[in-house]
Structures are given as structure tokens and as C-alpha cells.
């Protein structure tokens, strides 16, 4: 029994998962979806806006109204 090592032509070729280029912001990796994410400043402003809206609603429901002056 003689074993032979496969040559380059016989060896199976597999494509490795190549990571996206560092400047490629629109790349999609297999099974992970888009690699871009929401910037941090968008999250911060979103959280601040939600907190302000919740404070307004809580104050309004607690009877504070819109802060109108009564004679």
C-alpha cells in the first residue's frame, strides 16, 4: 500500500472567512448581519430624550400639568 501526498491540484481548496477591510463600513459577515452599529451619540441622545419624555408624563399624571399659572 502506497500513500501519496496530494499535490496542489488534488488538494481541496477552502476559502477561509476573510475579515472585512477596516475601512469597509458596509460589509456583511457570514451569519452575523451588518457589522455597522449605531453610534454612541445617537444612543446617548435617545436615552436623554426618553428620560425627559418620561419625566414630563409622570409630572403631568401627578397633577403638575404643564406648569400653568392660576390666578
Foldseek 3Di string as FASTA:
>chain_A
DDDDDDDPVRDDDDDDQDDDDPPPQADQGPPPGGPHDDDPVVVVVVVVVVVVVVVVVVCCVVPVNPVDDDD
